[in-house]
C-alpha atoms as a PDB file:
ATOM      1  CA  GLN A   1     -15.988  17.137   5.235  1.00  0.00           C
ATOM      2  CA  LYS A   2     -15.409  13.866   2.777  1.00  0.00           C
ATOM      3  CA  GLN A   3     -19.106  13.780   2.024  1.00  0.00           C
ATOM      4  CA  GLU A   4     -18.992  17.206   1.093  1.00  0.00           C
ATOM      5  CA  ALA A   5     -15.977  16.431  -1.888  1.00  0.00           C
ATOM      6  CA  ILE A   6     -18.252  13.494  -2.648  1.00  0.00           C
ATOM      7  CA  GLU A   7     -21.441  15.580  -3.992  1.00  0.00           C
ATOM      8  CA  HIS A   8     -19.004  18.468  -5.108  1.00  0.00           C
ATOM      9  CA  PHE A   9     -16.908  15.878  -7.596  1.00  0.00           C
ATOM     10  CA  ARG A  10     -20.685  14.244  -8.466  1.00  0.00           C
ATOM     11  CA  ALA A  11     -21.881  17.889  -9.264  1.00  0.00           C
ATOM     12  CA  ALA A  12     -18.290  17.990 -11.571  1.00  0.00           C
ATOM     13  CA  ILE A  13     -19.305  14.970 -13.469  1.00  0.00           C
ATOM     14  CA  ARG A  14     -23.203  15.775 -14.121  1.00  0.00           C
ATOM     15  CA  GLY A  15     -22.154  19.027 -15.547  1.00  0.00           C
ATOM     16  CA  LYS A  16     -19.008  17.666 -17.286  1.00  0.00           C
ATOM     17  CA  PRO A  17     -19.522  13.647 -18.304  1.00  0.00           C
ATOM     18  CA  ASN A  18     -16.390  13.196 -19.904  1.00  0.00           C
ATOM     19  CA  TYR A  19     -14.245  15.121 -16.336  1.00  0.00           C
ATOM     20  CA  PHE A  20     -11.363  12.960 -16.428  1.00  0.00           C
ATOM     21  CA  ASN A  21     -10.704  14.225 -12.307  1.00  0.00           C
ATOM     22  CA  GLY A  22     -13.915  14.350 -11.330  1.00  0.00           C
ATOM     23  CA  TYR A  23     -14.606  10.580 -12.048  1.00  0.00           C
ATOM     24  CA  LEU A  24     -10.572  10.038 -10.526  1.00  0.00           C
ATOM     25  CA  ASN A  25     -11.471  12.286  -7.464  1.00  0.00           C
ATOM     26  CA  LEU A  26     -14.602  11.161  -6.758  1.00  0.00           C
ATOM     27  CA  GLY A  27     -13.859   7.197  -7.670  1.00  0.00           C
ATOM     28  CA  MET A  28     -10.351   8.034  -4.562  1.00  0.00           C
ATOM     29  CA  THR A  29     -12.428   9.535  -2.479  1.00  0.00           C
ATOM     30  CA  LEU A  30     -15.145   7.001  -2.356  1.00  0.00           C
ATOM     31  CA  ALA A  31     -12.418   4.205  -2.109  1.00  0.00           C
ATOM     32  CA  ASP A  32     -11.359   6.212   1.165  1.00  0.00           C
ATOM     33  CA  THR A  33     -14.392   6.230   2.625  1.00  0.00           C
ATOM     34  CA  GLY A  34     -15.158   2.144   2.568  1.00  0.00           C
ATOM     35  CA  GLN A  35     -17.594   3.010  -0.642  1.00  0.00           C
ATOM     36  CA  LEU A  36     -15.908   0.506  -3.334  1.00  0.00           C
ATOM     37  CA  PRO A  37     -18.286  -0.658  -5.673  1.00  0.00           C
ATOM     38  CA  GLU A  38     -19.161   2.428  -6.374  1.00  0.00           C
ATOM     39  CA  ALA A  39     -15.954   3.943  -6.189  1.00  0.00           C
ATOM     40  CA  PHE A  40     -14.622   1.035  -9.078  1.00  0.00           C
ATOM     41  CA  VAL A  41     -17.447   2.705 -11.772  1.00  0.00           C
ATOM     42  CA  HIS A  42     -15.556   6.094 -11.358  1.00  0.00           C
ATOM     43  CA  LEU A  43     -12.469   4.660 -11.287  1.00  0.00           C
ATOM     44  CA  HIS A  44     -12.636   2.343 -14.617  1.00  0.00           C
ATOM     45  CA  LYS A  45     -14.535   5.450 -16.116  1.00  0.00           C
ATOM     46  CA  ALA A  46     -11.440   7.927 -15.515  1.00  0.00           C
ATOM     47  CA  ILE A  47      -9.640   5.378 -16.878  1.00  0.00           C
ATOM     48  CA  ASP A  48     -11.450   4.584 -19.852  1.00  0.00           C
ATOM     49  CA  LEU A  49     -11.666   8.553 -20.075  1.00  0.00           C
ATOM     50  CA  ASN A  50      -7.910   8.820 -19.959  1.00  0.00           C
ATOM     51  CA  PRO A  51      -5.544   5.468 -20.482  1.00  0.00           C
ATOM     52  CA  ASP A  52      -2.369   6.421 -19.766  1.00  0.00           C
ATOM     53  CA  SER A  53      -3.172   8.001 -16.378  1.00  0.00           C
ATOM     54  CA  VAL A  54      -0.646   5.960 -13.709  1.00  0.00           C
ATOM     55  CA  ASP A  55      -2.837   8.086 -11.308  1.00  0.00           C
ATOM     56  CA  ALA A  56      -6.225   6.820 -12.457  1.00  0.00           C
ATOM     57  CA  HIS A  57      -4.250   2.833 -12.338  1.00  0.00           C
ATOM     58  CA  ARG A  58      -3.155   3.200  -9.139  1.00  0.00           C
ATOM     59  CA  GLY A  59      -6.031   4.324  -7.867  1.00  0.00           C
ATOM     60  CA  LEU A  60      -8.231   1.712  -8.881  1.00  0.00           C
ATOM     61  CA  GLY A  61      -5.382  -1.111  -7.695  1.00  0.00           C
ATOM     62  CA  ASP A  62      -5.327   0.554  -4.186  1.00  0.00           C
ATOM     63  CA  ALA A  63      -9.203   0.218  -4.232  1.00  0.00           C
ATOM     64  CA  LEU A  64      -9.111  -3.592  -5.465  1.00  0.00           C
ATOM     65  CA  THR A  65      -6.523  -4.079  -2.841  1.00  0.00           C
ATOM     66  CA  ASN A  66      -8.518  -2.765  -0.139  1.00  0.00           C
ATOM     67  CA  ALA A  67     -11.628  -4.922  -0.808  1.00  0.00           C
ATOM     68  CA  GLY A  68      -9.249  -7.780  -0.466  1.00  0.00           C
ATOM     69  CA  ARG A  69      -9.149  -8.450  -4.103  1.00  0.00           C
ATOM     70  CA  GLU A  70      -5.048  -8.341  -4.447  1.00  0.00           C
ATOM     71  CA  ALA A  71      -4.855 -10.432  -7.682  1.00  0.00           C
ATOM     72  CA  GLU A  72      -6.965  -8.819  -9.693  1.00  0.00           C
ATOM     73  CA  ALA A  73      -5.151  -5.385  -8.147  1.00  0.00           C
ATOM     74  CA  VAL A  74      -1.664  -6.635  -9.427  1.00  0.00           C
ATOM     75  CA  ASN A  75      -2.795  -6.506 -13.186  1.00  0.00           C
ATOM     76  CA  VAL A  76      -3.981  -3.441 -12.645  1.00  0.00           C
ATOM     77  CA  TYR A  77      -0.774  -1.816 -10.909  1.00  0.00           C
ATOM     78  CA  GLN A  78       1.198  -4.103 -13.817  1.00  0.00           C
ATOM     79  CA  ALA A  79      -0.449  -1.722 -16.226  1.00  0.00           C
ATOM     80  CA  ALA A  80       0.073   1.621 -14.475  1.00  0.00           C
ATOM     81  CA  LEU A  81       4.148   0.335 -14.577  1.00  0.00           C
ATOM     82  CA  ALA A  82       3.998  -0.436 -18.340  1.00  0.00           C
ATOM     83  CA  LEU A  83       3.374   3.653 -18.101  1.00  0.00           C
ATOM     84  CA  ARG A  84       5.532   4.948 -15.678  1.00  0.00           C
ATOM     85  CA  PRO A  85       8.227   1.441 -14.815  1.00  0.00           C
ATOM     86  CA  ASP A  86      10.190   3.513 -12.485  1.00  0.00           C
ATOM     87  CA  ASP A  87       6.979   4.964 -10.412  1.00  0.00           C
ATOM     88  CA  PRO A  88       8.255   4.094  -6.296  1.00  0.00           C
ATOM     89  CA  LEU A  89       4.476   4.228  -5.130  1.00  0.00           C
ATOM     90  CA  THR A  90       3.579   2.116  -7.951  1.00  0.00           C
ATOM     91  CA  LEU A  91       6.058  -0.448  -7.210  1.00  0.00           C
ATOM     92  CA  ASN A  92       5.768  -0.586  -3.199  1.00  0.00           C
ATOM     93  CA  ASN A  93       1.912  -1.281  -4.052  1.00  0.00           C
ATOM     94  CA  LEU A  94       2.306  -3.495  -6.511  1.00  0.00           C
ATOM     95  CA  GLY A  95       4.790  -5.485  -4.290  1.00  0.00           C
ATOM     96  CA  ALA A  96       2.538  -4.707  -0.731  1.00  0.00           C
ATOM     97  CA  ALA A  97       0.004  -6.795  -3.673  1.00  0.00           C
ATOM     98  CA  LEU A  98       2.333  -9.583  -4.495  1.00  0.00           C
ATOM     99  CA  THR A  99       3.202 -10.118  -0.845  1.00  0.00           C
ATOM    100  CA  THR A 100      -0.258 -10.378   0.340  1.00  0.00           C
ATOM    101  CA  ILE A 101      -1.114 -13.478  -2.522  1.00  0.00           C
ATOM    102  CA  SER A 102       2.022 -14.740  -1.819  1.00  0.00           C
ATOM    103  CA  ARG A 103       4.033 -14.073  -4.756  1.00  0.00           C
ATOM    104  CA  LEU A 104       7.122 -13.470  -2.745  1.00  0.00           C
ATOM    105  CA  PRO A 105       9.906 -13.173  -5.339  1.00  0.00           C
ATOM    106  CA  GLN A 106       8.090 -10.851  -7.388  1.00  0.00           C
ATOM    107  CA  ALA A 107       6.663  -9.158  -4.235  1.00  0.00           C
ATOM    108  CA  ILE A 108      11.173  -8.571  -3.220  1.00  0.00           C
ATOM    109  CA  ALA A 109      12.418  -7.468  -6.638  1.00  0.00           C
ATOM    110  CA  HIS A 110       9.284  -4.743  -7.082  1.00  0.00           C
ATOM    111  CA  LEU A 111      10.027  -3.656  -3.285  1.00  0.00           C
ATOM    112  CA  GLN A 112      13.713  -3.758  -3.725  1.00  0.00           C
ATOM    113  CA  LYS A 113      13.192  -1.645  -6.761  1.00  0.00           C
ATOM    114  CA  ALA A 114      11.103   1.239  -4.734  1.00  0.00           C
ATOM    115  CA  VAL A 115      13.495   1.294  -2.335  1.00  0.00           C
ATOM    116  CA  ARG A 116      16.991   1.903  -4.836  1.00  0.00           C
ATOM    117  CA  LEU A 117      14.404   4.342  -6.639  1.00  0.00           C
ATOM    118  CA  LYS A 118      13.132   6.224  -3.062  1.00  0.00           C
ATOM    119  CA  PRO A 119      16.007   5.229  -0.199  1.00  0.00           C
ATOM    120  CA  ASP A 120      13.688   7.062   2.242  1.00  0.00           C
ATOM    121  CA  TYR A 121      10.577   5.517   1.366  1.00  0.00           C
ATOM    122  CA  ALA A 122       9.759   4.163   4.826  1.00  0.00           C
ATOM    123  CA  GLU A 123       6.475   1.818   3.971  1.00  0.00           C
ATOM    124  CA  ALA A 124       8.477   0.101   1.068  1.00  0.00           C
ATOM    125  CA  ARG A 125      10.839  -0.409   3.569  1.00  0.00           C
ATOM    126  CA  GLY A 126       8.309  -1.907   5.434  1.00  0.00           C
ATOM    127  CA  ASN A 127       7.123  -4.088   3.098  1.00  0.00           C
ATOM    128  CA  LEU A 128      10.636  -5.071   1.700  1.00  0.00           C
ATOM    129  CA  GLY A 129      11.066  -6.355   4.972  1.00  0.00           C
ATOM    130  CA  ASN A 130       7.902  -7.976   5.413  1.00  0.00           C
ATOM    131  CA  ALA A 131       7.763  -9.968   2.552  1.00  0.00           C
ATOM    132  CA  LEU A 132      11.816 -11.243   3.095  1.00  0.00           C
ATOM    133  CA  VAL A 133      10.747 -12.487   6.673  1.00  0.00           C
ATOM    134  CA  ARG A 134       7.847 -13.572   5.244  1.00  0.00           C
ATOM    135  CA  SER A 135       9.882 -15.634   2.279  1.00  0.00           C
ATOM    136  CA  GLY A 136      12.208 -17.290   5.070  1.00  0.00           C
ATOM    137  CA  ASN A 137      14.898 -14.212   4.957  1.00  0.00           C
ATOM    138  CA  LEU A 138      15.015 -13.316   8.736  1.00  0.00           C
ATOM    139  CA  PRO A 139      18.255 -11.341   8.550  1.00  0.00           C
ATOM    140  CA  GLU A 140      17.694  -9.193   5.598  1.00  0.00           C
ATOM    141  CA  GLY A 141      13.980  -8.937   6.503  1.00  0.00           C
ATOM    142  CA  ILE A 142      14.993  -7.457  10.000  1.00  0.00           C
ATOM    143  CA  VAL A 143      17.271  -5.003   8.319  1.00  0.00           C
ATOM    144  CA  GLU A 144      14.828  -3.107   6.501  1.00  0.00           C
ATOM    145  CA  LEU A 145      11.989  -3.051   8.909  1.00  0.00           C
ATOM    146  CA  GLN A 146      14.671  -1.750  11.423  1.00  0.00           C
ATOM    147  CA  ARG A 147      15.493   0.809   8.654  1.00  0.00           C
ATOM    148  CA  ALA A 148      11.808   1.505   8.234  1.00  0.00           C
ATOM    149  CA  VAL A 149      11.295   2.257  11.835  1.00  0.00           C
ATOM    150  CA  THR A 150      14.291   4.697  11.682  1.00  0.00           C
ATOM    151  CA  LEU A 151      12.764   6.248   8.710  1.00  0.00           C
ATOM    152  CA  GLU A 152       8.769   6.418  10.541  1.00  0.00           C
ATOM    153  CA  PRO A 153       8.892   5.900  14.152  1.00  0.00           C
ATOM    154  CA  ASP A 154       5.323   6.376  14.698  1.00  0.00           C
ATOM    155  CA  ASP A 155       4.240   3.625  12.664  1.00  0.00           C
ATOM    156  CA  GLY A 156       2.686   0.637  14.323  1.00  0.00           C
ATOM    157  CA  TRP A 157       2.346  -1.279  11.639  1.00  0.00           C
ATOM    158  CA  THR A 158       6.067  -1.507  11.083  1.00  0.00           C
ATOM    159  CA  VAL A 159       7.131  -1.351  14.985  1.00  0.00           C
ATOM    160  CA  SER A 160       4.965  -4.483  15.555  1.00  0.00           C
ATOM    161  CA  HIS A 161       5.959  -6.397  12.211  1.00  0.00           C
ATOM    162  CA  LEU A 162       9.706  -5.694  13.029  1.00  0.00           C
ATOM    163  CA  GLY A 163       8.662  -7.234  16.725  1.00  0.00           C
ATOM    164  CA  ILE A 164       7.259 -10.702  14.862  1.00  0.00           C
ATOM    165  CA  ALA A 165      10.404 -10.881  12.873  1.00  0.00           C
ATOM    166  CA  LEU A 166      12.481 -10.365  15.563  1.00  0.00           C
ATOM    167  CA  ALA A 167      10.309 -13.155  18.061  1.00  0.00           C
ATOM    168  CA  GLN A 168      10.524 -15.074  14.687  1.00  0.00           C
ATOM    169  CA  ALA A 169      14.470 -14.855  14.924  1.00  0.00           C
ATOM    170  CA  GLY A 170      14.354 -15.998  18.966  1.00  0.00           C
ATOM    171  CA  ARG A 171      15.594 -12.231  19.789  1.00  0.00           C
ATOM    172  CA  LEU A 172      12.726 -12.488  22.765  1.00  0.00           C
ATOM    173  CA  THR A 173      13.507  -9.177  24.648  1.00  0.00           C
ATOM    174  CA  GLU A 174      14.311  -7.631  21.338  1.00  0.00           C
ATOM    175  CA  ALA A 175      10.398  -8.553  20.553  1.00  0.00           C
ATOM    176  CA  ILE A 176       8.924  -7.124  23.418  1.00  0.00           C
ATOM    177  CA  GLN A 177      10.257  -4.107  23.268  1.00  0.00           C
ATOM    178  CA  GLN A 178       9.167  -3.482  20.032  1.00  0.00           C
ATOM    179  CA  PHE A 179       5.548  -4.937  20.545  1.00  0.00           C
ATOM    180  CA  ARG A 180       5.232  -2.707  23.795  1.00  0.00           C
ATOM    181  CA  ARG A 181       6.339   0.336  21.510  1.00  0.00           C
ATOM    182  CA  ALA A 182       3.394  -0.703  19.155  1.00  0.00           C
ATOM    183  CA  VAL A 183       1.214  -0.780  21.795  1.00  0.00           C
ATOM    184  CA  GLN A 184       2.274   2.615  22.678  1.00  0.00           C
ATOM    185  CA  ILE A 185       2.163   3.996  19.415  1.00  0.00           C
ATOM    186  CA  SER A 186      -1.609   2.885  18.665  1.00  0.00           C
ATOM    187  CA  PRO A 187      -3.532   0.834  21.219  1.00  0.00           C
ATOM    188  CA  SER A 188      -4.930  -1.042  18.523  1.00  0.00           C
ATOM    189  CA  ALA A 189      -2.225  -2.122  16.386  1.00  0.00           C
ATOM    190  CA  TYR A 190      -1.789  -5.039  15.253  1.00  0.00           C
ATOM    191  CA  ALA A 191       1.083  -5.781  18.157  1.00  0.00           C
ATOM    192  CA  HIS A 192      -2.040  -5.220  20.820  1.00  0.00           C
ATOM    193  CA  ASN A 193      -2.863  -8.715  19.282  1.00  0.00           C
ATOM    194  CA  ASN A 194       0.213 -10.667  19.717  1.00  0.00           C
END
């Protein structure tokens, strides 16, 4: 089905070479299917056509993150935030990328803003918890991971990271419960390897 969409978007931009939405949707769909080099081309074209599009910047940032190019993604997410400073999704994605490259104080600040703006944003709470744990703040990290699990109980990644944080805090019985839960949610979840 995604391949059909890709062909549809390709046809659209052949017919209308300056069709912003065609380039944006093609780039994002290519990124979703792992065709990152071509996705970059189309997402850059979308930004060229509409430099004020937060979605185009965020889409390019997401594709760069998926390619393991978080340092570049940070710059693109920052450009998106310059356009819309209070966008929880961009704040979350920027915070996650900053966490990956170990810029933890900045990551925590962006993720805290994301959850202030959208308190029920489970992914941002999980990312905030992960960043806090990585920064050495286990108590607050565990609290945020628990909040994320309460909001999204079937997210294996967050359940697994809660287990890791609990284990680091010496709360082994609780950690084992979370690891078992993560494996039940998804046998291929990160916890399966712990």
